[in-house]
mmCIF file of all heavy atoms, coordinates in Angstrom:
data_MODEL
# 
_entry.id   MODEL 
# 
loop_
_atom_site.group_PDB 
_atom_site.id 
_atom_site.type_symbol 
_atom_site.label_atom_id 
_atom_site.label_alt_id 
_atom_site.label_comp_id 
_atom_site.label_asym_id 
_atom_site.label_entity_id 
_atom_site.label_seq_id 
_atom_site.pdbx_PDB_ins_code 
_atom_site.Cartn_x 
_atom_site.Cartn_y 
_atom_site.Cartn_z 
_atom_site.occupancy 
_atom_site.B_iso_or_equiv 
_atom_site.pdbx_formal_charge 
_atom_site.auth_seq_id 
_atom_site.auth_comp_id 
_atom_site.auth_asym_id 
_atom_site.auth_atom_id 
_atom_site.pdbx_PDB_model_num 
ATOM 1   N N   . HIS A 1 1  ? 100.575 84.084 48.902 1.00 0.00 ? 1  HIS A N   1 
ATOM 2   C CA  . HIS A 1 1  ? 101.082 82.720 48.959 1.00 0.00 ? 1  HIS A CA  1 
ATOM 3   C C   . HIS A 1 1  ? 101.795 82.428 50.277 1.00 0.00 ? 1  HIS A C   1 
ATOM 4   O O   . HIS A 1 1  ? 101.649 81.336 50.850 1.00 0.00 ? 1  HIS A O   1 
ATOM 5   C CB  . HIS A 1 1  ? 102.034 82.471 47.786 1.00 0.00 ? 1  HIS A CB  1 
ATOM 6   C CG  . HIS A 1 1  ? 102.532 81.066 47.703 1.00 0.00 ? 1  HIS A CG  1 
ATOM 7   N ND1 . HIS A 1 1  ? 103.662 80.630 48.363 1.00 0.00 ? 1  HIS A ND1 1 
ATOM 8   C CD2 . HIS A 1 1  ? 102.038 79.973 47.064 1.00 0.00 ? 1  HIS A CD2 1 
ATOM 9   C CE1 . HIS A 1 1  ? 103.843 79.347 48.132 1.00 0.00 ? 1  HIS A CE1 1 
ATOM 10  N NE2 . HIS A 1 1  ? 102.889 78.919 47.340 1.00 0.00 ? 1  HIS A NE2 1 
ATOM 11  N N   . SER A 1 2  ? 102.546 83.404 50.773 1.00 0.00 ? 2  SER A N   1 
ATOM 12  C CA  . SER A 1 2  ? 103.342 83.167 51.978 1.00 0.00 ? 2  SER A CA  1 
ATOM 13  C C   . SER A 1 2  ? 102.485 82.970 53.220 1.00 0.00 ? 2  SER A C   1 
ATOM 14  O O   . SER A 1 2  ? 102.952 82.423 54.223 1.00 0.00 ? 2  SER A O   1 
ATOM 15  C CB  . SER A 1 2  ? 104.305 84.335 52.206 1.00 0.00 ? 2  SER A CB  1 
ATOM 16  O OG  . SER A 1 2  ? 103.596 85.546 52.416 1.00 0.00 ? 2  SER A OG  1 
ATOM 17  N N   . THR A 1 3  ? 101.236 83.423 53.173 1.00 0.00 ? 3  THR A N   1 
ATOM 18  C CA  . THR A 1 3  ? 100.384 83.308 54.367 1.00 0.00 ? 3  THR A CA  1 
ATOM 19  C C   . THR A 1 3  ? 99.750  81.927 54.494 1.00 0.00 ? 3  THR A C   1 
ATOM 20  O O   . THR A 1 3  ? 99.286  81.569 55.588 1.00 0.00 ? 3  THR A O   1 
ATOM 21  C CB  . THR A 1 3  ? 99.258  84.356 54.345 1.00 0.00 ? 3  THR A CB  1 
ATOM 22  O OG1 . THR A 1 3  ? 98.342  84.044 53.286 1.00 0.00 ? 3  THR A OG1 1 
ATOM 23  C CG2 . THR A 1 3  ? 99.820  85.755 54.140 1.00 0.00 ? 3  THR A CG2 1 
ATOM 24  N N   . ILE A 1 4  ? 99.724  81.148 53.421 1.00 0.00 ? 4  ILE A N   1 
ATOM 25  C CA  . ILE A 1 4  ? 99.003  79.872 53.443 1.00 0.00 ? 4  ILE A CA  1 
ATOM 26  C C   . ILE A 1 4  ? 99.558  78.953 54.520 1.00 0.00 ? 4  ILE A C   1 
ATOM 27  O O   . ILE A 1 4  ? 98.818  78.446 55.367 1.00 0.00 ? 4  ILE A O   1 
ATOM 28  C CB  . ILE A 1 4  ? 99.067  79.192 52.060 1.00 0.00 ? 4  ILE A CB  1 
ATOM 29  C CG1 . ILE A 1 4  ? 98.348  80.044 51.007 1.00 0.00 ? 4  ILE A CG1 1 
ATOM 30  C CG2 . ILE A 1 4  ? 98.455  77.795 52.132 1.00 0.00 ? 4  ILE A CG2 1 
ATOM 31  C CD1 . ILE A 1 4  ? 98.454  79.494 49.600 1.00 0.00 ? 4  ILE A CD1 1 
ATOM 32  N N   . THR A 1 5  ? 100.879 78.738 54.484 1.00 0.00 ? 5  THR A N   1 
ATOM 33  C CA  . THR A 1 5  ? 101.487 77.814 55.453 1.00 0.00 ? 5  THR A CA  1 
ATOM 34  C C   . THR A 1 5  ? 101.281 78.310 56.874 1.00 0.00 ? 5  THR A C   1 
ATOM 35  O O   . THR A 1 5  ? 101.003 77.521 57.789 1.00 0.00 ? 5  THR A O   1 
ATOM 36  C CB  . THR A 1 5  ? 102.991 77.661 55.159 1.00 0.00 ? 5  THR A CB  1 
ATOM 37  O OG1 . THR A 1 5  ? 103.157 77.170 53.830 1.00 0.00 ? 5  THR A OG1 1 
ATOM 38  C CG2 . THR A 1 5  ? 103.633 76.685 56.138 1.00 0.00 ? 5  THR A CG2 1 
ATOM 39  N N   . ARG A 1 6  ? 101.383 79.626 57.085 1.00 0.00 ? 6  ARG A N   1 
ATOM 40  C CA  . ARG A 1 6  ? 101.286 80.179 58.439 1.00 0.00 ? 6  ARG A CA  1 
ATOM 41  C C   . ARG A 1 6  ? 99.871  80.051 58.993 1.00 0.00 ? 6  ARG A C   1 
ATOM 42  O O   . ARG A 1 6  ? 99.681  79.677 60.150 1.00 0.00 ? 6  ARG A O   1 
ATOM 43  C CB  . ARG A 1 6  ? 101.728 81.647 58.431 1.00 0.00 ? 6  ARG A CB  1 
ATOM 44  C CG  . ARG A 1 6  ? 103.158 81.817 57.962 1.00 0.00 ? 6  ARG A CG  1 
ATOM 45  C CD  . ARG A 1 6  ? 103.539 83.270 57.753 1.00 0.00 ? 6  ARG A CD  1 
ATOM 46  N NE  . ARG A 1 6  ? 104.672 83.366 56.841 1.00 0.00 ? 6  ARG A NE  1 
ATOM 47  C CZ  . ARG A 1 6  ? 105.273 84.489 56.513 1.00 0.00 ? 6  ARG A CZ  1 
ATOM 48  N NH1 . ARG A 1 6  ? 104.848 85.643 57.011 1.00 0.00 ? 6  ARG A NH1 1 
ATOM 49  N NH2 . ARG A 1 6  ? 106.283 84.497 55.674 1.00 0.00 ? 6  ARG A NH2 1 
ATOM 50  N N   . VAL A 1 7  ? 98.893  80.367 58.159 1.00 0.00 ? 7  VAL A N   1 
ATOM 51  C CA  . VAL A 1 7  ? 97.506  80.263 58.620 1.00 0.00 ? 7  VAL A CA  1 
ATOM 52  C C   . VAL A 1 7  ? 97.151  78.806 58.903 1.00 0.00 ? 7  VAL A C   1 
ATOM 53  O O   . VAL A 1 7  ? 96.570  78.483 59.949 1.00 0.00 ? 7  VAL A O   1 
ATOM 54  C CB  . VAL A 1 7  ? 96.545  80.873 57.585 1.00 0.00 ? 7  VAL A CB  1 
ATOM 55  C CG1 . VAL A 1 7  ? 95.096  80.569 57.954 1.00 0.00 ? 7  VAL A CG1 1 
ATOM 56  C CG2 . VAL A 1 7  ? 96.746  82.384 57.488 1.00 0.00 ? 7  VAL A CG2 1 
ATOM 57  N N   . ARG A 1 8  ? 97.519  77.911 57.994 1.00 0.00 ? 8  ARG A N   1 
ATOM 58  C CA  . ARG A 1 8  ? 97.213  76.500 58.214 1.00 0.00 ? 8  ARG A CA  1 
ATOM 59  C C   . ARG A 1 8  ? 97.939  75.970 59.449 1.00 0.00 ? 8  ARG A C   1 
ATOM 60  O O   . ARG A 1 8  ? 97.368  75.179 60.220 1.00 0.00 ? 8  ARG A O   1 
ATOM 61  C CB  . ARG A 1 8  ? 97.608  75.685 56.982 1.00 0.00 ? 8  ARG A CB  1 
ATOM 62  C CG  . ARG A 1 8  ? 96.656  75.860 55.795 1.00 0.00 ? 8  ARG A CG  1 
ATOM 63  C CD  . ARG A 1 8  ? 97.163  75.106 54.590 1.00 0.00 ? 8  ARG A CD  1 
ATOM 64  N NE  . ARG A 1 8  ? 96.195  75.110 53.491 1.00 0.00 ? 8  ARG A NE  1 
ATOM 65  C CZ  . ARG A 1 8  ? 96.475  74.694 52.257 1.00 0.00 ? 8  ARG A CZ  1 
ATOM 66  N NH1 . ARG A 1 8  ? 97.687  74.241 51.976 1.00 0.00 ? 8  ARG A NH1 1 
ATOM 67  N NH2 . ARG A 1 8  ? 95.547  74.726 51.314 1.00 0.00 ? 8  ARG A NH2 1 
ATOM 68  N N   . ALA A 1 9  ? 99.181  76.404 59.642 1.00 0.00 ? 9  ALA A N   1 
ATOM 69  C CA  . ALA A 1 9  ? 99.937  75.964 60.818 1.00 0.00 ? 9  ALA A CA  1 
ATOM 70  C C   . ALA A 1 9  ? 99.257  76.439 62.101 1.00 0.00 ? 9  ALA A C   1 
ATOM 71  O O   . ALA A 1 9  ? 99.132  75.682 63.067 1.00 0.00 ? 9  ALA A O   1 
ATOM 72  C CB  . ALA A 1 9  ? 101.369 76.485 60.749 1.00 0.00 ? 9  ALA A CB  1 
ATOM 73  N N   . GLY A 1 10 ? 98.810  77.702 62.097 1.00 0.00 ? 10 GLY A N   1 
ATOM 74  C CA  . GLY A 1 10 ? 98.126  78.227 63.272 1.00 0.00 ? 10 GLY A CA  1 
ATOM 75  C C   . GLY A 1 10 ? 96.851  77.474 63.580 1.00 0.00 ? 10 GLY A C   1 
ATOM 76  O O   . GLY A 1 10 ? 96.540  77.192 64.743 1.00 0.00 ? 10 GLY A O   1 
ATOM 77  N N   . LEU A 1 11 ? 96.115  77.101 62.541 1.00 0.00 ? 11 LEU A N   1 
ATOM 78  C CA  . LEU A 1 11 ? 94.867  76.367 62.742 1.00 0.00 ? 11 LEU A CA  1 
ATOM 79  C C   . LEU A 1 11 ? 95.144  74.950 63.246 1.00 0.00 ? 11 LEU A C   1 
ATOM 80  O O   . LEU A 1 11 ? 94.414  74.429 64.095 1.00 0.00 ? 11 LEU A O   1 
ATOM 81  C CB  . LEU A 1 11 ? 94.070  76.332 61.434 1.00 0.00 ? 11 LEU A CB  1 
ATOM 82  C CG  . LEU A 1 11 ? 93.546  77.696 60.962 1.00 0.00 ? 11 LEU A CG  1 
ATOM 83  C CD1 . LEU A 1 11 ? 93.034  77.616 59.533 1.00 0.00 ? 11 LEU A CD1 1 
ATOM 84  C CD2 . LEU A 1 11 ? 92.435  78.187 61.885 1.00 0.00 ? 11 LEU A CD2 1 
ATOM 85  N N   . GLN A 1 12 ? 96.209  74.333 62.733 1.00 0.00 ? 12 GLN A N   1 
ATOM 86  C CA  . GLN A 1 12 ? 96.582  73.007 63.215 1.00 0.00 ? 12 GLN A CA  1 
ATOM 87  C C   . GLN A 1 12 ? 97.022  73.068 64.679 1.00 0.00 ? 12 GLN A C   1 
ATOM 88  O O   . GLN A 1 12 ? 96.720  72.178 65.473 1.00 0.00 ? 12 GLN A O   1 
ATOM 89  C CB  . GLN A 1 12 ? 97.710  72.433 62.358 1.00 0.00 ? 12 GLN A CB  1 
ATOM 90  C CG  . GLN A 1 12 ? 97.291  72.026 60.966 1.00 0.00 ? 12 GLN A CG  1 
ATOM 91  C CD  . GLN A 1 12 ? 96.303  70.883 60.972 1.00 0.00 ? 12 GLN A CD  1 
ATOM 92  O OE1 . GLN A 1 12 ? 96.613  69.794 61.440 1.00 0.00 ? 12 GLN A OE1 1 
ATOM 93  N NE2 . GLN A 1 12 ? 95.105  71.117 60.479 1.00 0.00 ? 12 GLN A NE2 1 
ATOM 94  N N   . ALA A 1 13 ? 97.739  74.156 65.013 1.00 0.00 ? 13 ALA A N   1 
ATOM 95  C CA  . ALA A 1 13 ? 98.261  74.299 66.366 1.00 0.00 ? 13 ALA A CA  1 
ATOM 96  C C   . ALA A 1 13 ? 97.163  74.453 67.411 1.00 0.00 ? 13 ALA A C   1 
ATOM 97  O O   . ALA A 1 13 ? 97.389  74.221 68.599 1.00 0.00 ? 13 ALA A O   1 
ATOM 98  C CB  . ALA A 1 13 ? 99.215  75.496 66.430 1.00 0.00 ? 13 ALA A CB  1 
ATOM 99  N N   . LEU A 1 14 ? 95.956  74.809 66.980 1.00 0.00 ? 14 LEU A N   1 
ATOM 100 C CA  . LEU A 1 14 ? 94.840  74.945 67.924 1.00 0.00 ? 14 LEU A CA  1 
ATOM 101 C C   . LEU A 1 14 ? 94.380  73.590 68.453 1.00 0.00 ? 14 LEU A C   1 
ATOM 102 O O   . LEU A 1 14 ? 93.709  73.519 69.501 1.00 0.00 ? 14 LEU A O   1 
ATOM 103 C CB  . LEU A 1 14 ? 93.663  75.655 67.245 1.00 0.00 ? 14 LEU A CB  1 
ATOM 104 C CG  . LEU A 1 14 ? 93.876  77.138 66.895 1.00 0.00 ? 14 LEU A CG  1 
ATOM 105 C CD1 . LEU A 1 14 ? 92.725  77.649 66.034 1.00 0.00 ? 14 LEU A CD1 1 
ATOM 106 C CD2 . LEU A 1 14 ? 94.005  77.972 68.164 1.00 0.00 ? 14 LEU A CD2 1 
ATOM 107 N N   . ASP A 1 15 ? 94.715  72.515 67.718 1.00 0.00 ? 15 ASP A N   1 
ATOM 108 C CA  . ASP A 1 15 ? 94.377  71.143 68.150 1.00 0.00 ? 15 ASP A CA  1 
ATOM 109 C C   . ASP A 1 15 ? 92.887  70.968 68.423 1.00 0.00 ? 15 ASP A C   1 
ATOM 110 O O   . ASP A 1 15 ? 92.475  70.416 69.461 1.00 0.00 ? 15 ASP A O   1 
ATOM 111 C CB  . ASP A 1 15 ? 95.171  70.767 69.415 1.00 0.00 ? 15 ASP A CB  1 
ATOM 112 C CG  . ASP A 1 15 ? 96.667  70.690 69.173 1.00 0.00 ? 15 ASP A CG  1 
ATOM 113 O OD1 . ASP A 1 15 ? 97.052  70.360 68.037 1.00 0.00 ? 15 ASP A OD1 1 
ATOM 114 O OD2 . ASP A 1 15 ? 97.436  70.971 70.112 1.00 0.00 ? 15 ASP A OD2 1 
ATOM 115 N N   . ILE A 1 16 ? 92.057  71.443 67.481 1.00 0.00 ? 16 ILE A N   1 
ATOM 116 C CA  . ILE A 1 16 ? 90.603  71.317 67.675 1.00 0.00 ? 16 ILE A CA  1 
ATOM 117 C C   . ILE A 1 16 ? 89.945  70.490 66.570 1.00 0.00 ? 16 ILE A C   1 
ATOM 118 O O   . ILE A 1 16 ? 88.730  70.544 66.397 1.00 0.00 ? 16 ILE A O   1 
ATOM 119 C CB  . ILE A 1 16 ? 89.935  72.708 67.767 1.00 0.00 ? 16 ILE A CB  1 
ATOM 120 C CG1 . ILE A 1 16 ? 90.190  73.527 66.501 1.00 0.00 ? 16 ILE A CG1 1 
ATOM 121 C CG2 . ILE A 1 16 ? 90.408  73.446 68.997 1.00 0.00 ? 16 ILE A CG2 1 
ATOM 122 C CD1 . ILE A 1 16 ? 89.393  74.822 66.452 1.00 0.00 ? 16 ILE A CD1 1 
ATOM 123 N N   . GLY A 1 17 ? 90.754  69.764 65.798 1.00 0.00 ? 17 GLY A N   1 
ATOM 124 C CA  . GLY A 1 17 ? 90.186  68.881 64.784 1.00 0.00 ? 17 GLY A CA  1 
ATOM 125 C C   . GLY A 1 17 ? 90.093  69.450 63.395 1.00 0.00 ? 17 GLY A C   1 
ATOM 126 O O   . GLY A 1 17 ? 89.510  68.814 62.509 1.00 0.00 ? 17 GLY A O   1 
ATOM 127 N N   . ILE A 1 18 ? 90.644  70.636 63.160 1.00 0.00 ? 18 ILE A N   1 
ATOM 128 C CA  . ILE A 1 18 ? 90.655  71.191 61.803 1.00 0.00 ? 18 ILE A CA  1 
ATOM 129 C C   . ILE A 1 18 ? 91.597  70.350 60.949 1.00 0.00 ? 18 ILE A C   1 
ATOM 130 O O   . ILE A 1 18 ? 92.752  70.133 61.332 1.00 0.00 ? 18 ILE A O   1 
ATOM 131 C CB  . ILE A 1 18 ? 91.104  72.661 61.817 1.00 0.00 ? 18 ILE A CB  1 
ATOM 132 C CG1 . ILE A 1 18 ? 90.083  73.517 62.576 1.00 0.00 ? 18 ILE A CG1 1 
ATOM 133 C CG2 . ILE A 1 18 ? 91.276  73.193 60.397 1.00 0.00 ? 18 ILE A CG2 1 
ATOM 134 C CD1 . ILE A 1 18 ? 90.464  74.988 62.715 1.00 0.00 ? 18 ILE A CD1 1 
ATOM 135 N N   . PRO A 1 19 ? 91.150  69.852 59.806 1.00 0.00 ? 19 PRO A N   1 
ATOM 136 C CA  . PRO A 1 19 ? 91.990  68.948 59.004 1.00 0.00 ? 19 PRO A CA  1 
ATOM 137 C C   . PRO A 1 19 ? 93.177  69.666 58.373 1.00 0.00 ? 19 PRO A C   1 
ATOM 138 O O   . PRO A 1 19 ? 93.135  70.878 58.137 1.00 0.00 ? 19 PRO A O   1 
ATOM 139 C CB  . PRO A 1 19 ? 91.022  68.422 57.936 1.00 0.00 ? 19 PRO A CB  1 
ATOM 140 C CG  . PRO A 1 19 ? 89.950  69.463 57.841 1.00 0.00 ? 19 PRO A CG  1 
ATOM 141 C CD  . PRO A 1 19 ? 89.807  70.032 59.213 1.00 0.00 ? 19 PRO A CD  1 
ATOM 142 N N   . GLN A 1 20 ? 94.223  68.898 58.088 1.00 0.00 ? 20 GLN A N   1 
ATOM 143 C CA  . GLN A 1 20 ? 95.369  69.460 57.381 1.00 0.00 ? 20 GLN A CA  1 
ATOM 144 C C   . GLN A 1 20 ? 94.934  69.920 55.989 1.00 0.00 ? 20 GLN A C   1 
ATOM 145 O O   . GLN A 1 20 ? 94.069  69.329 55.368 1.00 0.00 ? 20 GLN A O   1 
ATOM 146 C CB  . GLN A 1 20 ? 96.477  68.412 57.257 1.00 0.00 ? 20 GLN A CB  1 
ATOM 147 C CG  . GLN A 1 20 ? 97.137  68.050 58.572 1.00 0.00 ? 20 GLN A CG  1 
ATOM 148 C CD  . GLN A 1 20 ? 98.304  67.090 58.385 1.00 0.00 ? 20 GLN A CD  1 
ATOM 149 O OE1 . GLN A 1 20 ? 98.665  66.743 57.272 1.00 0.00 ? 20 GLN A OE1 1 
ATOM 150 N NE2 . GLN A 1 20 ? 98.874  66.653 59.493 1.00 0.00 ? 20 GLN A NE2 1 
ATOM 151 N N   . GLY A 1 21 ? 95.575  70.986 55.518 1.00 0.00 ? 21 GLY A N   1 
ATOM 152 C CA  . GLY A 1 21 ? 95.226  71.490 54.197 1.00 0.00 ? 21 GLY A CA  1 
ATOM 153 C C   . GLY A 1 21 ? 93.969  72.332 54.165 1.00 0.00 ? 21 GLY A C   1 
ATOM 154 O O   . GLY A 1 21 ? 93.487  72.690 53.093 1.00 0.00 ? 21 GLY A O   1 
ATOM 155 N N   . TRP A 1 22 ? 93.418  72.637 55.340 1.00 0.00 ? 22 TRP A N   1 
ATOM 156 C CA  . TRP A 1 22 ? 92.219  73.490 55.418 1.00 0.00 ? 22 TRP A CA  1 
ATOM 157 C C   . TRP A 1 22 ? 92.678  74.888 55.776 1.00 0.00 ? 22 TRP A C   1 
ATOM 158 O O   . TRP A 1 22 ? 93.452  75.066 56.719 1.00 0.00 ? 22 TRP A O   1 
ATOM 159 C CB  . TRP A 1 22 ? 91.277  72.958 56.487 1.00 0.00 ? 22 TRP A CB  1 
ATOM 160 C CG  . TRP A 1 22 ? 89.924  73.608 56.556 1.00 0.00 ? 22 TRP A CG  1 
ATOM 161 C CD1 . TRP A 1 22 ? 88.774  73.172 55.952 1.00 0.00 ? 22 TRP A CD1 1 
ATOM 162 C CD2 . TRP A 1 22 ? 89.552  74.785 57.294 1.00 0.00 ? 22 TRP A CD2 1 
ATOM 163 N NE1 . TRP A 1 22 ? 87.725  73.997 56.263 1.00 0.00 ? 22 TRP A NE1 1 
ATOM 164 C CE2 . TRP A 1 22 ? 88.171  75.007 57.082 1.00 0.00 ? 22 TRP A CE2 1 
ATOM 165 C CE3 . TRP A 1 22 ? 90.248  75.697 58.088 1.00 0.00 ? 22 TRP A CE3 1 
ATOM 166 C CZ2 . TRP A 1 22 ? 87.470  76.072 57.639 1.00 0.00 ? 22 TRP A CZ2 1 
ATOM 167 C CZ3 . TRP A 1 22 ? 89.569  76.772 58.642 1.00 0.00 ? 22 TRP A CZ3 1 
ATOM 168 C CH2 . TRP A 1 22 ? 88.205  76.950 58.426 1.00 0.00 ? 22 TRP A CH2 1 
ATOM 169 N N   . PRO A 1 23 ? 92.251  75.922 55.074 1.00 0.00 ? 23 PRO A N   1 
ATOM 170 C CA  . PRO A 1 23 ? 91.323  75.929 53.943 1.00 0.00 ? 23 PRO A CA  1 
ATOM 171 C C   . PRO A 1 23 ? 92.026  75.702 52.602 1.00 0.00 ? 23 PRO A C   1 
ATOM 172 O O   . PRO A 1 23 ? 93.252  75.680 52.532 1.00 0.00 ? 23 PRO A O   1 
ATOM 173 C CB  . PRO A 1 23 ? 90.763  77.360 54.008 1.00 0.00 ? 23 PRO A CB  1 
ATOM 174 C CG  . PRO A 1 23 ? 91.931  78.172 54.482 1.00 0.00 ? 23 PRO A CG  1 
ATOM 175 C CD  . PRO A 1 23 ? 92.632  77.296 55.489 1.00 0.00 ? 23 PRO A CD  1 
ATOM 176 N N   . ASP A 1 24 ? 91.218  75.561 51.527 1.00 0.00 ? 24 ASP A N   1 
ATOM 177 C CA  . ASP A 1 24 ? 91.746  75.510 50.165 1.00 0.00 ? 24 ASP A CA  1 
ATOM 178 C C   . ASP A 1 24 ? 92.033  76.932 49.692 1.00 0.00 ? 24 ASP A C   1 
ATOM 179 O O   . ASP A 1 24 ? 91.389  77.892 50.137 1.00 0.00 ? 24 ASP A O   1 
ATOM 180 C CB  . ASP A 1 24 ? 90.732  74.869 49.214 1.00 0.00 ? 24 ASP A CB  1 
ATOM 181 C CG  . ASP A 1 24 ? 90.526  73.392 49.497 1.00 0.00 ? 24 ASP A CG  1 
ATOM 182 O OD1 . ASP A 1 24 ? 91.511  72.715 49.832 1.00 0.00 ? 24 ASP A OD1 1 
ATOM 183 O OD2 . ASP A 1 24 ? 89.383  72.923 49.381 1.00 0.00 ? 24 ASP A OD2 1 
# 
């Protein structure tokens, strides 16, 4: 559970168009 926010944050930080909440 603790990794969800971190992984999603890292993907958002790439600024390449990955939507928020990805992945499920």
